Structure formats: structure tokens, C-alpha cells
Protein backbone atom coordinates (compact mmCIF):
# COMPACT_ATOMS: atom_id res chain seq x y z
CA MET A 1 23.32 -52.94 53.08
CA GLU A 2 19.98 -53.25 51.33
CA THR A 3 18.97 -56.46 49.59
CA PRO A 4 17.14 -56.68 46.23
CA THR A 5 13.87 -57.08 48.17
CA GLY A 6 14.41 -53.76 49.94
CA ARG A 7 15.28 -55.27 53.31
CA HIS A 8 18.50 -54.60 55.17
CA MET A 9 20.88 -57.51 55.69
CA SER A 10 20.90 -56.91 59.44
CA GLU A 11 17.13 -57.46 59.65
CA ARG A 12 16.00 -60.81 61.01
CA HIS A 13 14.07 -62.84 58.46
CA ILE A 14 10.76 -64.38 59.49
CA SER A 15 9.35 -66.76 56.87
CA ASP A 16 5.84 -67.98 56.37
CA GLY A 17 7.07 -71.06 54.52
CA THR A 18 6.21 -69.79 51.05
CA GLY A 19 9.57 -68.26 50.11
CA PRO A 20 12.18 -69.59 47.71
CA GLY A 21 13.37 -73.01 48.79
CA ALA A 22 10.45 -73.75 51.13
CA GLY A 23 9.73 -77.46 51.25
CA ARG A 24 10.45 -80.78 52.86
CA TYR A 25 14.09 -81.82 52.86
CA GLU A 26 16.21 -84.86 53.65
CA ILE A 27 19.79 -84.16 54.69
CA ARG A 28 22.00 -87.26 54.76
CA LEU A 29 25.18 -87.34 56.85
CA THR A 30 28.04 -89.79 57.24
CA GLY A 31 27.99 -91.48 60.63
CA HIS A 32 25.39 -91.73 63.36
CA LEU A 33 24.39 -88.55 65.13
CA HIS A 34 23.90 -89.20 68.84
CA GLU A 35 20.29 -88.81 70.04
CA ARG A 36 21.23 -85.96 72.37
CA TRP A 37 21.78 -83.73 69.33
CA ALA A 38 18.24 -84.25 67.95
CA ALA A 39 16.87 -81.30 69.98
CA TRP A 40 19.45 -79.06 68.30
CA PHE A 41 17.54 -79.49 65.04
CA ASP A 42 14.33 -77.90 66.31
CA GLY A 43 11.72 -80.56 65.73
CA LEU A 44 13.12 -82.09 62.56
CA ALA A 45 13.23 -85.89 62.49
CA VAL A 46 16.69 -87.39 63.09
CA SER A 47 16.98 -91.02 61.95
CA GLN A 48 19.96 -93.36 62.19
CA LEU A 49 20.06 -95.79 59.28
CA GLY A 50 21.59 -99.25 59.13
CA ASP A 51 24.10 -98.17 56.48
CA GLY A 52 25.91 -95.96 59.02
CA THR A 53 24.30 -92.69 57.96
CA THR A 54 21.99 -90.21 59.66
CA VAL A 55 19.05 -88.51 57.94
CA ILE A 56 17.64 -85.21 59.19
CA SER A 57 14.25 -84.58 57.58
CA GLY A 58 11.25 -82.32 57.75
CA PRO A 59 9.84 -79.00 56.62
CA ILE A 60 12.24 -76.09 55.99
CA ALA A 61 10.83 -72.56 55.70
CA ASP A 62 13.17 -71.18 53.03
CA GLN A 63 16.76 -71.01 51.78
CA ALA A 64 17.92 -69.02 54.81
CA ALA A 65 16.60 -71.69 57.18
CA LEU A 66 18.21 -74.42 55.06
CA HIS A 67 21.57 -72.65 55.24
CA GLY A 68 21.16 -72.27 59.02
CA LEU A 69 20.53 -76.01 59.30
CA LEU A 70 23.57 -76.79 57.15
CA GLN A 71 25.70 -74.55 59.37
CA ARG A 72 24.65 -76.64 62.37
CA VAL A 73 25.64 -79.80 60.50
CA ARG A 74 29.01 -78.21 59.74
CA ASP A 75 29.46 -77.21 63.37
CA LEU A 76 29.03 -80.85 64.41
CA GLY A 77 31.86 -81.85 62.09
CA LEU A 78 29.81 -84.48 60.25
CA ALA A 79 30.36 -85.11 56.56
CA LEU A 80 27.43 -84.05 54.40
CA LEU A 81 26.45 -86.72 51.85
CA SER A 82 23.38 -85.15 50.27
CA VAL A 83 20.63 -82.54 50.53
CA GLU A 84 17.43 -83.44 48.75
CA ARG A 85 14.20 -81.48 48.47
CA VAL A 86 11.55 -84.18 48.67
CA GLY A 87 8.43 -82.07 48.22
CA THR A 88 6.39 -79.01 48.95
CA ASP A 89 2.89 -80.51 49.02
CA GLY A 90 1.04 -79.94 52.24
CA LEU A 91 3.69 -77.64 53.70
CA ASP A 92 2.02 -76.02 56.70
CA PRO A 93 3.80 -72.90 58.04
CA THR A 94 2.78 -73.86 61.60
CA ASP A 95 4.90 -77.04 61.28
CA LEU A 96 8.09 -75.18 60.39
CA PRO A 97 10.97 -75.35 62.88
CA ALA A 98 12.31 -72.09 64.26
CA ILE A 99 15.89 -72.34 63.00
CA ASP A 100 17.71 -69.06 63.42
CA SER A 101 19.15 -68.19 60.01
CA ARG A 102 21.54 -65.54 61.33
């Protein structure tokens, strides 16, 4: 199936960080995510807060990468509290994590 951009849905998407949705995000979850899971989020910061929540934050390449990240959150069974885009200034494509959006 071809997308509106002329690509096929089976093609893997490589983003340069300038696509729709590119920016820095904070994803807040209910509960504390154990430190061993931090590597699963490909270089994004994982912080446990005193209010019993976990925040995953950092640069996200585009909407596909954001959805891939949210799928990982879902797979862990943690309740999603919020997703907030906190900026796009200074977004460097070399800092973007390599989250597989498939």
C-alpha cells in the first residue's frame, strides 16, 4: 500500500529529525520503572520522581518514533499519565535515539 508521500507502508522509515512531530518529549508514567529497563528506551533519560511516577524524556525523531516508544510503554504494562512535547529548539539529528517504529 502506498502512503500519501509515495512510500510503501512496508518500507522502513529513517528520519532526520525534521519530520512531523520531531521534538523533545516528556512521557510520564504511573509507578517507578526499574533501572534495568532504561536501556530499552535507547538513550532517553528515565527518571523516577518522588511522587511515584517515572518520566522518560529526550529527543524523538518524528511521530513514528513516538508511537514506537509508546508501544514499548504499553508492552511494560505501565499506565500512561501524559505525553508532552516540551520543545524543538536545538534538536540535533545525531542525538536522536534509534527506536524502531515498525
